[in-house]
């Protein structure tokens, strides 16, 4: 992924859904409405067969890390998924309790729940890491809402231009950012901790504790 794509990806949410929030205060009703508009509340299906509304069920009030992928992807995809397995390991018991990981298929017509179930099993995905699919139009809306897009149509049509970043955020505080999916898993954890107010508070308490 080139630098231009990374910059566009980082600005995507602001471009399509309003200004990114970095405050630690809980969201106001107006901010909640902005988030609901920014993240389309479309129906999605998980690899385990469960049905969800994307924002209402999977994002609202949670700390999440979200990437785009597709099963037949080659090139950087295997390394990216391997890195997410490392991230899963580092999260430990926090995965599925405090932090949720979502991998959304860019080829929903091909990546059915059955295909994703087999793929998730091969990747060793634990509870808290969901592989998601849905209707093509809904996935496209999600992709744009999450900031995985390019304003140049020829670039935007290239699926591989959308797989190199993680959208990381805390919906409760409206604190959002992005990280390269191939950077060290430890750095991704640090980014997650930066938006997770519970971890920020713990780090502050440790830093200010008397020796």
N, C-alpha and C. Protein backbone atom coordinates (compact mmCIF):
# COMPACT_ATOMS: atom_id res chain seq x y z
N UNK A 1 0.84 -1.19 0.00
CA UNK A 1 0.00 0.00 0.00
C UNK A 1 0.88 1.24 0.00
N UNK A 2 0.60 2.19 -0.91
CA UNK A 2 1.44 3.37 -0.97
C UNK A 2 1.01 4.40 0.05
N UNK A 3 1.87 5.44 0.21
CA UNK A 3 1.62 6.45 1.23
C UNK A 3 0.31 7.18 0.98
N UNK A 4 0.02 7.47 -0.29
CA UNK A 4 -1.20 8.20 -0.61
C UNK A 4 -2.42 7.43 -0.15
N UNK A 5 -2.44 6.13 -0.37
CA UNK A 5 -3.57 5.32 0.04
C UNK A 5 -3.72 5.33 1.56
N UNK A 6 -2.60 5.30 2.28
CA UNK A 6 -2.66 5.31 3.73
C UNK A 6 -3.23 6.62 4.24
N UNK A 7 -2.84 7.74 3.62
CA UNK A 7 -3.35 9.04 4.05
C UNK A 7 -4.85 9.12 3.79
N UNK A 8 -5.28 8.69 2.60
CA UNK A 8 -6.69 8.73 2.27
C UNK A 8 -7.47 7.84 3.23
N UNK A 9 -6.94 6.66 3.51
CA UNK A 9 -7.62 5.76 4.43
C UNK A 9 -7.77 6.37 5.80
N UNK A 10 -6.74 7.07 6.26
CA UNK A 10 -6.80 7.69 7.56
C UNK A 10 -7.79 8.82 7.64
N UNK A 11 -8.08 9.46 6.50
CA UNK A 11 -9.02 10.57 6.47
C UNK A 11 -10.42 10.14 6.09
N UNK A 12 -10.57 8.88 5.74
CA UNK A 12 -11.83 8.44 5.17
C UNK A 12 -13.04 8.72 6.04
N UNK A 13 -12.96 8.44 7.34
CA UNK A 13 -14.11 8.65 8.19
C UNK A 13 -14.50 10.11 8.25
N UNK A 14 -13.51 10.98 8.33
CA UNK A 14 -13.82 12.40 8.40
C UNK A 14 -14.47 12.86 7.11
N UNK A 15 -14.02 12.30 5.98
CA UNK A 15 -14.53 12.74 4.69
C UNK A 15 -15.98 12.35 4.49
N UNK A 16 -16.38 11.19 4.97
CA UNK A 16 -17.73 10.74 4.67
C UNK A 16 -18.69 10.85 5.84
N UNK A 17 -18.18 11.08 7.04
CA UNK A 17 -19.10 11.03 8.16
C UNK A 17 -18.91 12.09 9.21
N UNK A 18 -18.14 13.13 8.96
CA UNK A 18 -17.94 14.15 9.96
C UNK A 18 -16.57 14.04 10.58
N UNK A 19 -16.28 14.92 11.50
CA UNK A 19 -14.95 15.00 12.11
C UNK A 19 -14.72 13.85 13.07
N UNK A 20 -13.54 13.30 13.05
CA UNK A 20 -13.19 12.24 13.99
C UNK A 20 -13.10 12.82 15.39
N UNK A 21 -13.56 12.04 16.38
CA UNK A 21 -13.51 12.51 17.76
C UNK A 21 -12.38 11.84 18.50
N UNK A 22 -11.65 12.63 19.28
CA UNK A 22 -10.56 12.06 20.06
C UNK A 22 -10.73 12.33 21.55
N UNK A 23 -11.89 12.80 21.97
CA UNK A 23 -12.11 13.06 23.38
C UNK A 23 -12.39 11.77 24.13
N UNK A 24 -12.22 11.81 25.45
CA UNK A 24 -12.46 10.64 26.27
C UNK A 24 -13.82 10.67 26.94
N UNK A 25 -14.59 11.75 26.78
CA UNK A 25 -15.91 11.83 27.38
C UNK A 25 -16.89 10.95 26.62
N UNK A 26 -17.89 10.39 27.33
CA UNK A 26 -18.91 9.61 26.63
C UNK A 26 -19.61 10.45 25.58
N UNK A 27 -20.12 9.79 24.55
CA UNK A 27 -20.72 10.51 23.45
C UNK A 27 -22.06 11.13 23.85
N UNK A 28 -22.34 12.30 23.30
CA UNK A 28 -23.64 12.92 23.46
C UNK A 28 -24.62 12.27 22.49
N UNK A 29 -25.94 12.50 22.67
CA UNK A 29 -26.91 11.94 21.72
C UNK A 29 -26.64 12.34 20.28
N UNK A 30 -26.20 13.60 20.07
CA UNK A 30 -25.93 14.04 18.70
C UNK A 30 -24.74 13.30 18.12
N UNK A 31 -23.73 13.04 18.95
CA UNK A 31 -22.56 12.30 18.48
C UNK A 31 -22.93 10.85 18.18
N UNK A 32 -23.82 10.29 18.98
CA UNK A 32 -24.29 8.93 18.72
C UNK A 32 -24.98 8.85 17.37
N UNK A 33 -25.80 9.84 17.07
CA UNK A 33 -26.47 9.86 15.77
C UNK A 33 -25.47 9.96 14.64
N UNK A 34 -24.39 10.76 14.84
CA UNK A 34 -23.35 10.87 13.82
C UNK A 34 -22.69 9.51 13.59
N UNK A 35 -22.40 8.80 14.67
CA UNK A 35 -21.75 7.49 14.55
C UNK A 35 -22.66 6.51 13.81
N UNK A 36 -23.96 6.54 14.13
CA UNK A 36 -24.89 5.63 13.47
C UNK A 36 -24.97 5.93 11.98
N UNK A 37 -24.83 7.23 11.63
CA UNK A 37 -24.85 7.61 10.22
C UNK A 37 -23.55 7.23 9.54
N UNK A 38 -22.44 7.40 10.26
CA UNK A 38 -21.12 7.12 9.70
C UNK A 38 -20.94 5.63 9.43
N UNK A 39 -21.36 4.80 10.38
CA UNK A 39 -21.24 3.36 10.23
C UNK A 39 -22.61 2.80 9.86
N UNK A 40 -22.85 2.49 8.60
CA UNK A 40 -24.16 2.00 8.19
C UNK A 40 -24.58 0.78 9.02
N UNK A 41 -25.81 0.81 9.51
CA UNK A 41 -26.30 -0.28 10.35
C UNK A 41 -26.90 -1.39 9.49
N UNK A 42 -26.07 -1.87 8.57
CA UNK A 42 -26.55 -2.85 7.59
C UNK A 42 -26.49 -4.26 8.19
N UNK A 43 -27.30 -5.17 7.67
CA UNK A 43 -27.23 -6.56 8.14
C UNK A 43 -25.97 -7.25 7.62
N UNK A 44 -25.31 -7.99 8.48
CA UNK A 44 -24.14 -8.77 8.10
C UNK A 44 -24.27 -10.16 8.71
N UNK A 45 -23.56 -11.11 8.11
CA UNK A 45 -23.56 -12.48 8.62
C UNK A 45 -22.14 -12.86 9.01
N UNK A 46 -22.02 -13.49 10.16
CA UNK A 46 -20.71 -13.92 10.64
C UNK A 46 -20.40 -15.34 10.17
N UNK A 47 -19.12 -15.68 10.24
CA UNK A 47 -18.70 -17.01 9.79
C UNK A 47 -19.34 -18.14 10.59
N UNK A 48 -19.81 -17.83 11.80
CA UNK A 48 -20.44 -18.86 12.62
C UNK A 48 -21.95 -18.94 12.39
N UNK A 49 -22.45 -18.21 11.38
CA UNK A 49 -23.86 -18.28 11.02
C UNK A 49 -24.75 -17.26 11.68
N UNK A 50 -24.23 -16.52 12.65
CA UNK A 50 -25.07 -15.53 13.34
C UNK A 50 -25.32 -14.31 12.46
N UNK A 51 -26.48 -13.68 12.65
CA UNK A 51 -26.87 -12.49 11.92
C UNK A 51 -26.74 -11.28 12.85
N UNK A 52 -26.22 -10.19 12.30
CA UNK A 52 -26.05 -8.98 13.09
C UNK A 52 -26.45 -7.75 12.29
N UNK A 53 -26.74 -6.66 13.01
CA UNK A 53 -26.71 -5.31 12.47
C UNK A 53 -25.34 -4.75 12.80
N UNK A 54 -24.65 -4.23 11.78
CA UNK A 54 -23.24 -3.92 11.98
C UNK A 54 -23.02 -2.95 13.13
N UNK A 55 -23.65 -1.78 13.08
CA UNK A 55 -23.37 -0.80 14.14
C UNK A 55 -24.03 -1.20 15.45
N UNK A 56 -25.33 -1.49 15.42
CA UNK A 56 -26.07 -1.74 16.66
C UNK A 56 -25.51 -2.91 17.45
N UNK A 57 -25.16 -3.98 16.76
CA UNK A 57 -24.76 -5.21 17.44
C UNK A 57 -23.25 -5.36 17.63
N UNK A 58 -22.47 -4.81 16.70
CA UNK A 58 -21.04 -5.12 16.70
C UNK A 58 -20.14 -3.96 17.09
N UNK A 59 -20.62 -2.74 16.94
CA UNK A 59 -19.75 -1.58 17.17
C UNK A 59 -20.20 -0.74 18.36
N UNK A 60 -21.48 -0.54 18.52
CA UNK A 60 -21.98 0.39 19.53
C UNK A 60 -21.43 0.07 20.92
N UNK A 61 -20.76 1.07 21.50
CA UNK A 61 -20.24 0.95 22.85
C UNK A 61 -19.01 0.09 23.01
N UNK A 62 -18.40 -0.34 21.92
CA UNK A 62 -17.29 -1.30 21.99
C UNK A 62 -15.97 -0.70 21.51
N UNK A 63 -14.89 -1.36 21.91
CA UNK A 63 -13.56 -1.12 21.34
C UNK A 63 -13.36 -2.17 20.25
N UNK A 64 -13.07 -1.71 19.03
CA UNK A 64 -13.02 -2.63 17.89
C UNK A 64 -11.79 -2.37 17.03
N UNK A 65 -11.38 -3.40 16.32
CA UNK A 65 -10.37 -3.30 15.26
C UNK A 65 -10.96 -3.99 14.04
N UNK A 66 -10.99 -3.28 12.90
CA UNK A 66 -11.71 -3.75 11.72
C UNK A 66 -10.80 -3.70 10.51
N UNK A 67 -10.79 -4.79 9.75
CA UNK A 67 -10.03 -4.80 8.50
C UNK A 67 -10.89 -5.37 7.38
N UNK A 68 -10.46 -5.13 6.15
CA UNK A 68 -11.10 -5.70 4.97
C UNK A 68 -10.21 -6.82 4.44
N UNK A 69 -10.84 -7.86 3.90
CA UNK A 69 -10.09 -9.01 3.39
C UNK A 69 -10.96 -9.77 2.40
N UNK A 70 -10.41 -10.80 1.79
CA UNK A 70 -11.21 -11.77 1.05
C UNK A 70 -10.40 -13.06 0.95
N UNK A 71 -11.10 -14.17 0.96
CA UNK A 71 -10.46 -15.47 1.12
C UNK A 71 -9.46 -15.76 0.01
N UNK A 72 -9.78 -15.40 -1.23
CA UNK A 72 -8.91 -15.72 -2.36
C UNK A 72 -7.76 -14.73 -2.52
N UNK A 73 -7.65 -13.77 -1.64
CA UNK A 73 -6.58 -12.78 -1.74
C UNK A 73 -5.22 -13.43 -1.53
N UNK A 74 -4.28 -13.04 -2.38
CA UNK A 74 -2.90 -13.50 -2.24
C UNK A 74 -2.03 -12.28 -1.94
N UNK A 75 -0.77 -12.35 -2.24
CA UNK A 75 0.10 -11.20 -1.99
C UNK A 75 0.28 -10.95 -0.51
N UNK A 76 -0.17 -9.78 -0.03
CA UNK A 76 0.06 -9.40 1.36
C UNK A 76 -0.97 -9.99 2.31
N UNK A 77 -2.05 -10.56 1.80
CA UNK A 77 -3.12 -11.05 2.68
C UNK A 77 -2.66 -12.13 3.67
N UNK A 78 -1.95 -13.16 3.23
CA UNK A 78 -1.53 -14.17 4.20
C UNK A 78 -0.71 -13.58 5.35
N UNK A 79 0.18 -12.65 5.03
CA UNK A 79 0.99 -12.02 6.08
C UNK A 79 0.12 -11.18 7.00
N UNK A 80 -0.88 -10.50 6.44
CA UNK A 80 -1.77 -9.68 7.25
C UNK A 80 -2.58 -10.54 8.21
N UNK A 81 -3.15 -11.64 7.71
CA UNK A 81 -3.94 -12.51 8.58
C UNK A 81 -3.06 -13.15 9.64
N UNK A 82 -1.83 -13.51 9.27
CA UNK A 82 -0.90 -14.05 10.26
C UNK A 82 -0.62 -13.03 11.35
N UNK A 83 -0.54 -11.77 10.97
CA UNK A 83 -0.31 -10.71 11.95
C UNK A 83 -1.52 -10.56 12.87
N UNK A 84 -2.73 -10.73 12.32
CA UNK A 84 -3.92 -10.65 13.15
C UNK A 84 -4.00 -11.85 14.10
N UNK A 85 -3.48 -12.99 13.68
CA UNK A 85 -3.41 -14.13 14.61
C UNK A 85 -2.49 -13.79 15.77
N UNK A 86 -1.38 -13.12 15.47
CA UNK A 86 -0.47 -12.68 16.53
C UNK A 86 -1.17 -11.68 17.44
N UNK A 87 -1.93 -10.77 16.84
CA UNK A 87 -2.69 -9.80 17.63
C UNK A 87 -3.69 -10.51 18.53
N UNK A 88 -4.38 -11.51 17.99
CA UNK A 88 -5.32 -12.30 18.77
C UNK A 88 -4.64 -12.91 19.99
N UNK A 89 -3.45 -13.45 19.78
CA UNK A 89 -2.71 -14.06 20.87
C UNK A 89 -2.33 -13.04 21.93
N UNK A 90 -1.89 -11.86 21.50
CA UNK A 90 -1.49 -10.82 22.44
C UNK A 90 -2.68 -10.28 23.23
N UNK A 91 -3.84 -10.23 22.60
CA UNK A 91 -5.03 -9.74 23.31
C UNK A 91 -5.47 -10.70 24.41
N UNK A 92 -5.23 -11.98 24.20
CA UNK A 92 -5.58 -12.96 25.23
C UNK A 92 -7.05 -12.89 25.61
N UNK A 93 -7.32 -12.82 26.92
CA UNK A 93 -8.70 -12.83 27.41
C UNK A 93 -9.45 -11.54 27.09
N UNK A 94 -8.74 -10.50 26.69
CA UNK A 94 -9.43 -9.25 26.32
C UNK A 94 -10.25 -9.42 25.05
N UNK A 95 -9.83 -10.33 24.16
CA UNK A 95 -10.54 -10.55 22.90
C UNK A 95 -11.92 -11.14 23.19
N UNK A 96 -12.95 -10.47 22.68
CA UNK A 96 -14.31 -10.92 22.91
C UNK A 96 -14.91 -10.44 24.20
N UNK A 97 -14.10 -9.81 25.04
CA UNK A 97 -14.59 -9.24 26.30
C UNK A 97 -14.45 -7.73 26.29
N UNK A 98 -13.23 -7.25 26.01
CA UNK A 98 -12.95 -5.81 26.00
C UNK A 98 -12.71 -5.29 24.59
N UNK A 99 -12.20 -6.13 23.72
CA UNK A 99 -11.82 -5.74 22.36
C UNK A 99 -12.41 -6.76 21.38
N UNK A 100 -12.90 -6.26 20.24
CA UNK A 100 -13.52 -7.13 19.24
C UNK A 100 -12.86 -6.89 17.89
N UNK A 101 -12.57 -7.98 17.21
CA UNK A 101 -11.87 -7.94 15.92
C UNK A 101 -12.82 -8.41 14.83
N UNK A 102 -12.96 -7.58 13.77
CA UNK A 102 -13.86 -7.91 12.66
C UNK A 102 -13.11 -7.84 11.34
N UNK A 103 -13.20 -8.91 10.57
CA UNK A 103 -12.62 -8.98 9.23
C UNK A 103 -13.77 -9.08 8.24
N UNK A 104 -13.92 -8.06 7.39
CA UNK A 104 -15.06 -7.95 6.48
C UNK A 104 -14.63 -8.33 5.07
N UNK A 105 -15.38 -9.23 4.45
CA UNK A 105 -15.03 -9.70 3.11
C UNK A 105 -15.33 -8.64 2.06
N UNK A 106 -14.38 -8.47 1.15
CA UNK A 106 -14.56 -7.59 0.00
C UNK A 106 -15.19 -8.32 -1.18
N UNK A 107 -15.36 -9.63 -1.05
CA UNK A 107 -15.99 -10.44 -2.09
C UNK A 107 -17.15 -11.23 -1.48
N UNK A 108 -18.19 -10.52 -1.04
CA UNK A 108 -19.27 -11.21 -0.32
C UNK A 108 -20.00 -12.26 -1.14
N UNK A 109 -20.05 -12.11 -2.46
CA UNK A 109 -20.73 -13.11 -3.28
C UNK A 109 -19.99 -14.44 -3.25
N UNK A 110 -18.67 -14.38 -3.12
CA UNK A 110 -17.86 -15.60 -3.08
C UNK A 110 -17.64 -16.08 -1.65
N UNK A 111 -17.46 -15.14 -0.75
CA UNK A 111 -17.16 -15.49 0.64
C UNK A 111 -18.46 -15.64 1.43
N UNK A 112 -19.12 -16.76 1.23
CA UNK A 112 -20.33 -17.08 1.98
C UNK A 112 -19.97 -17.42 3.42
N UNK A 113 -20.97 -17.57 4.26
CA UNK A 113 -20.69 -17.93 5.65
C UNK A 113 -19.97 -19.27 5.73
N UNK A 114 -20.32 -20.19 4.83
CA UNK A 114 -19.65 -21.51 4.84
C UNK A 114 -18.17 -21.37 4.48
N UNK A 115 -17.89 -20.55 3.46
CA UNK A 115 -16.50 -20.33 3.06
C UNK A 115 -15.73 -19.65 4.19
N UNK A 116 -16.35 -18.64 4.80
CA UNK A 116 -15.68 -17.92 5.88
C UNK A 116 -15.51 -18.79 7.12
N UNK A 117 -16.45 -19.69 7.38
CA UNK A 117 -16.31 -20.59 8.52
C UNK A 117 -15.08 -21.46 8.36
N UNK A 118 -14.93 -22.04 7.18
CA UNK A 118 -13.76 -22.87 6.91
C UNK A 118 -12.48 -22.05 7.03
N UNK A 119 -12.50 -20.84 6.50
CA UNK A 119 -11.32 -19.98 6.55
C UNK A 119 -10.99 -19.61 7.99
N UNK A 120 -12.01 -19.22 8.77
CA UNK A 120 -11.78 -18.84 10.16
C UNK A 120 -11.21 -20.00 10.97
N UNK A 121 -11.71 -21.20 10.71
CA UNK A 121 -11.19 -22.37 11.42
C UNK A 121 -9.73 -22.60 11.07
N UNK A 122 -9.39 -22.43 9.80
CA UNK A 122 -8.00 -22.62 9.38
C UNK A 122 -7.08 -21.56 9.99
N UNK A 123 -7.63 -20.39 10.27
CA UNK A 123 -6.83 -19.32 10.86
C UNK A 123 -6.80 -19.40 12.38
N UNK A 124 -7.57 -20.29 12.95
CA UNK A 124 -7.59 -20.42 14.40
C UNK A 124 -8.28 -19.26 15.10
N UNK A 125 -9.29 -18.68 14.44
CA UNK A 125 -10.00 -17.54 15.02
C UNK A 125 -10.75 -17.97 16.28
N UNK A 126 -10.56 -17.23 17.36
CA UNK A 126 -11.24 -17.50 18.62
C UNK A 126 -12.47 -16.60 18.76
N UNK A 127 -13.35 -16.89 19.74
CA UNK A 127 -14.49 -16.00 19.98
C UNK A 127 -14.01 -14.57 20.19
N UNK A 128 -14.68 -13.64 19.52
CA UNK A 128 -14.25 -12.24 19.56
C UNK A 128 -13.66 -11.78 18.26
N UNK A 129 -13.29 -12.75 17.39
CA UNK A 129 -12.81 -12.42 16.04
C UNK A 129 -13.82 -12.99 15.06
N UNK A 130 -14.56 -12.11 14.40
CA UNK A 130 -15.59 -12.52 13.46
C UNK A 130 -15.19 -12.17 12.03
N UNK A 131 -15.44 -13.11 11.13
CA UNK A 131 -15.31 -12.86 9.69
C UNK A 131 -16.72 -12.60 9.17
N UNK A 132 -16.91 -11.47 8.49
CA UNK A 132 -18.25 -11.00 8.15
C UNK A 132 -18.46 -10.91 6.65
N UNK A 133 -19.68 -11.20 6.23
CA UNK A 133 -20.09 -11.05 4.84
C UNK A 133 -21.49 -10.47 4.81
N UNK A 134 -22.01 -10.21 3.61
CA UNK A 134 -23.34 -9.63 3.48
C UNK A 134 -23.64 -9.35 2.03
N UNK A 135 -24.64 -8.52 1.79
CA UNK A 135 -24.95 -8.12 0.42
C UNK A 135 -23.87 -7.18 -0.10
N UNK A 136 -23.58 -7.29 -1.38
CA UNK A 136 -22.49 -6.50 -1.95
C UNK A 136 -22.70 -5.00 -1.75
N UNK A 137 -23.92 -4.50 -1.95
CA UNK A 137 -24.18 -3.07 -1.77
C UNK A 137 -23.97 -2.65 -0.32
N UNK A 138 -24.35 -3.51 0.62
CA UNK A 138 -24.17 -3.18 2.04
C UNK A 138 -22.70 -3.17 2.42
N UNK A 139 -21.94 -4.13 1.91
CA UNK A 139 -20.51 -4.17 2.20
C UNK A 139 -19.81 -2.94 1.62
N UNK A 140 -20.24 -2.51 0.46
CA UNK A 140 -19.66 -1.30 -0.13
C UNK A 140 -19.94 -0.08 0.75
N UNK A 141 -21.16 0.03 1.25
CA UNK A 141 -21.49 1.13 2.16
C UNK A 141 -20.63 1.07 3.41
N UNK A 142 -20.43 -0.12 3.93
CA UNK A 142 -19.57 -0.29 5.11
C UNK A 142 -18.15 0.14 4.80
N UNK A 143 -17.66 -0.29 3.67
CA UNK A 143 -16.28 0.03 3.29
C UNK A 143 -16.07 1.54 3.25
N UNK A 144 -17.01 2.24 2.64
CA UNK A 144 -16.90 3.70 2.58
C UNK A 144 -17.06 4.32 3.96
N UNK A 145 -18.01 3.83 4.73
CA UNK A 145 -18.23 4.37 6.06
C UNK A 145 -17.03 4.21 6.97
N UNK A 146 -16.29 3.12 6.78
CA UNK A 146 -15.11 2.85 7.60
C UNK A 146 -13.87 3.56 7.09
N UNK A 147 -13.96 4.17 5.90
CA UNK A 147 -12.82 4.90 5.37
C UNK A 147 -11.92 4.11 4.45
N UNK A 148 -12.34 2.90 4.06
CA UNK A 148 -11.54 2.08 3.15
C UNK A 148 -11.95 2.37 1.71
N UNK A 149 -11.52 3.50 1.20
CA UNK A 149 -11.88 3.87 -0.17
C UNK A 149 -10.83 4.80 -0.75
N UNK A 150 -10.90 4.98 -2.05
CA UNK A 150 -10.02 5.91 -2.74
C UNK A 150 -10.88 6.73 -3.69
N UNK A 151 -10.69 8.05 -3.77
CA UNK A 151 -11.53 8.89 -4.64
C UNK A 151 -11.29 8.65 -6.12
N UNK A 152 -10.19 8.00 -6.47
CA UNK A 152 -9.91 7.68 -7.87
C UNK A 152 -10.59 6.34 -8.18
N UNK A 153 -11.60 6.33 -9.06
CA UNK A 153 -12.37 5.10 -9.29
C UNK A 153 -11.52 3.90 -9.66
N UNK A 154 -10.49 4.11 -10.50
CA UNK A 154 -9.67 2.98 -10.93
C UNK A 154 -8.93 2.36 -9.74
N UNK A 155 -8.52 3.19 -8.81
CA UNK A 155 -7.84 2.68 -7.61
C UNK A 155 -8.85 2.04 -6.67
N UNK A 156 -10.00 2.68 -6.53
CA UNK A 156 -11.02 2.17 -5.62
C UNK A 156 -11.54 0.80 -6.06
N UNK A 157 -11.54 0.55 -7.37
CA UNK A 157 -12.02 -0.74 -7.88
C UNK A 157 -11.03 -1.88 -7.64
N UNK A 158 -9.80 -1.54 -7.27
CA UNK A 158 -8.78 -2.55 -6.99
C UNK A 158 -8.93 -3.01 -5.54
N UNK A 159 -9.42 -4.22 -5.35
CA UNK A 159 -9.69 -4.70 -4.00
C UNK A 159 -8.45 -4.68 -3.12
N UNK A 160 -7.30 -4.92 -3.71
CA UNK A 160 -6.08 -4.99 -2.90
C UNK A 160 -5.70 -3.64 -2.30
N UNK A 161 -6.32 -2.55 -2.79
CA UNK A 161 -6.01 -1.23 -2.23
C UNK A 161 -6.73 -0.99 -0.91
N UNK A 162 -7.56 -1.93 -0.47
CA UNK A 162 -8.35 -1.72 0.75
C UNK A 162 -7.99 -2.68 1.88
N UNK A 163 -6.92 -3.45 1.74
CA UNK A 163 -6.67 -4.52 2.69
C UNK A 163 -5.51 -4.25 3.64
N UNK A 164 -4.86 -3.11 3.52
CA UNK A 164 -3.63 -2.92 4.27
C UNK A 164 -3.74 -2.17 5.58
N UNK A 165 -4.97 -1.77 5.97
CA UNK A 165 -5.12 -0.96 7.17
C UNK A 165 -6.14 -1.57 8.12
N UNK A 166 -6.01 -1.18 9.39
CA UNK A 166 -6.98 -1.54 10.42
C UNK A 166 -7.64 -0.26 10.91
N UNK A 167 -8.96 -0.24 10.92
CA UNK A 167 -9.68 0.85 11.58
C UNK A 167 -9.86 0.45 13.03
N UNK A 168 -9.34 1.26 13.93
CA UNK A 168 -9.34 0.96 15.36
C UNK A 168 -10.07 2.07 16.09
N UNK A 169 -10.97 1.70 16.98
CA UNK A 169 -11.68 2.76 17.68
C UNK A 169 -12.45 2.30 18.90
N UNK A 170 -12.85 3.30 19.66
CA UNK A 170 -13.70 3.12 20.84
C UNK A 170 -14.98 3.89 20.56
N UNK A 171 -16.05 3.17 20.26
CA UNK A 171 -17.30 3.86 19.91
C UNK A 171 -17.87 4.65 21.07
N UNK A 172 -17.70 4.17 22.28
CA UNK A 172 -18.28 4.86 23.43
C UNK A 172 -17.74 6.27 23.59
N UNK A 173 -16.45 6.44 23.29
CA UNK A 173 -15.83 7.76 23.43
C UNK A 173 -15.65 8.47 22.10
N UNK A 174 -16.03 7.80 21.00
CA UNK A 174 -15.86 8.36 19.65
C UNK A 174 -14.39 8.65 19.35
N UNK A 175 -13.55 7.75 19.77
CA UNK A 175 -12.09 7.90 19.58
C UNK A 175 -11.66 6.89 18.52
N UNK A 176 -11.20 7.38 17.35
CA UNK A 176 -10.92 6.51 16.21
C UNK A 176 -9.57 6.85 15.57
N UNK A 177 -8.95 5.82 15.02
CA UNK A 177 -7.68 6.01 14.34
C UNK A 177 -7.49 4.86 13.35
N UNK A 178 -6.33 4.81 12.72
CA UNK A 178 -5.98 3.71 11.81
C UNK A 178 -4.55 3.27 12.08
N UNK A 179 -4.27 2.02 11.74
CA UNK A 179 -2.92 1.48 11.87
C UNK A 179 -2.67 0.54 10.70
N UNK A 180 -1.43 0.48 10.21
CA UNK A 180 -1.11 -0.49 9.15
C UNK A 180 -1.30 -1.92 9.67
N UNK A 181 -1.99 -2.74 8.90
CA UNK A 181 -2.27 -4.10 9.34
C UNK A 181 -1.01 -4.96 9.40
N UNK A 182 0.05 -4.52 8.73
CA UNK A 182 1.29 -5.30 8.71
C UNK A 182 2.35 -4.77 9.65
N UNK A 183 2.03 -3.75 10.44
CA UNK A 183 3.03 -3.30 11.41
C UNK A 183 3.08 -4.30 12.56
N UNK A 184 4.08 -4.17 13.42
CA UNK A 184 4.24 -5.11 14.52
C UNK A 184 2.94 -5.22 15.32
N UNK A 185 2.56 -6.44 15.66
CA UNK A 185 1.34 -6.64 16.43
C UNK A 185 1.40 -5.89 17.76
N UNK A 186 2.59 -5.76 18.31
CA UNK A 186 2.74 -5.01 19.56
C UNK A 186 2.36 -3.54 19.37
N UNK A 187 2.67 -2.98 18.20
CA UNK A 187 2.29 -1.59 17.92
C UNK A 187 0.78 -1.47 17.74
N UNK A 188 0.17 -2.48 17.14
CA UNK A 188 -1.29 -2.46 17.00
C UNK A 188 -1.94 -2.52 18.38
N UNK A 189 -1.41 -3.36 19.25
CA UNK A 189 -1.91 -3.42 20.62
C UNK A 189 -1.79 -2.06 21.30
N UNK A 190 -0.67 -1.39 21.10
CA UNK A 190 -0.48 -0.07 21.69
C UNK A 190 -1.52 0.92 21.17
N UNK A 191 -1.85 0.81 19.88
CA UNK A 191 -2.87 1.69 19.31
C UNK A 191 -4.24 1.38 19.90
N UNK A 192 -4.56 0.11 20.04
CA UNK A 192 -5.82 -0.28 20.68
C UNK A 192 -5.87 0.24 22.11
N UNK A 193 -4.78 0.09 22.84
CA UNK A 193 -4.74 0.57 24.22
C UNK A 193 -4.92 2.07 24.29
N UNK A 194 -4.47 2.78 23.27
CA UNK A 194 -4.58 4.23 23.24
C UNK A 194 -6.03 4.69 23.18
N UNK A 195 -6.89 3.91 22.53
CA UNK A 195 -8.30 4.30 22.44
C UNK A 195 -9.15 3.63 23.52
N UNK A 196 -8.60 2.63 24.20
CA UNK A 196 -9.33 1.92 25.25
C UNK A 196 -9.14 2.67 26.56
N UNK A 197 -10.17 3.35 27.02
CA UNK A 197 -10.04 4.20 28.20
C UNK A 197 -9.66 3.40 29.44
N UNK A 198 -10.08 2.15 29.52
CA UNK A 198 -9.71 1.33 30.67
C UNK A 198 -8.21 1.11 30.72
N UNK A 199 -7.60 0.87 29.56
CA UNK A 199 -6.16 0.66 29.51
C UNK A 199 -5.41 1.96 29.74
N UNK A 200 -5.94 3.08 29.21
CA UNK A 200 -5.31 4.38 29.43
C UNK A 200 -5.29 4.70 30.92
N UNK A 201 -6.41 4.45 31.61
CA UNK A 201 -6.48 4.72 33.04
C UNK A 201 -5.51 3.85 33.82
N UNK A 202 -5.40 2.57 33.43
CA UNK A 202 -4.48 1.66 34.11
C UNK A 202 -3.04 2.11 33.92
N UNK A 203 -2.69 2.50 32.68
CA UNK A 203 -1.33 2.97 32.41
C UNK A 203 -1.02 4.23 33.20
N UNK A 204 -2.00 5.14 33.33
CA UNK A 204 -1.79 6.38 34.08
C UNK A 204 -1.59 6.07 35.56
N UNK A 205 -2.39 5.15 36.10
CA UNK A 205 -2.25 4.80 37.51
C UNK A 205 -0.88 4.20 37.79
N UNK A 206 -0.40 3.37 36.88
CA UNK A 206 0.92 2.76 37.07
C UNK A 206 2.01 3.81 36.99
N UNK A 207 1.86 4.76 36.05
CA UNK A 207 2.88 5.78 35.86
C UNK A 207 2.96 6.74 37.04
N UNK A 208 1.82 6.97 37.70
CA UNK A 208 1.78 7.95 38.79
C UNK A 208 1.87 7.31 40.16
N UNK A 209 1.93 5.98 40.21
CA UNK A 209 2.01 5.30 41.50
C UNK A 209 3.35 5.60 42.17
N UNK A 210 3.36 5.78 43.48
CA UNK A 210 4.63 6.04 44.17
C UNK A 210 5.58 4.86 44.06
N UNK A 211 6.86 5.16 43.98
CA UNK A 211 7.86 4.09 43.84
C UNK A 211 7.96 3.30 45.13
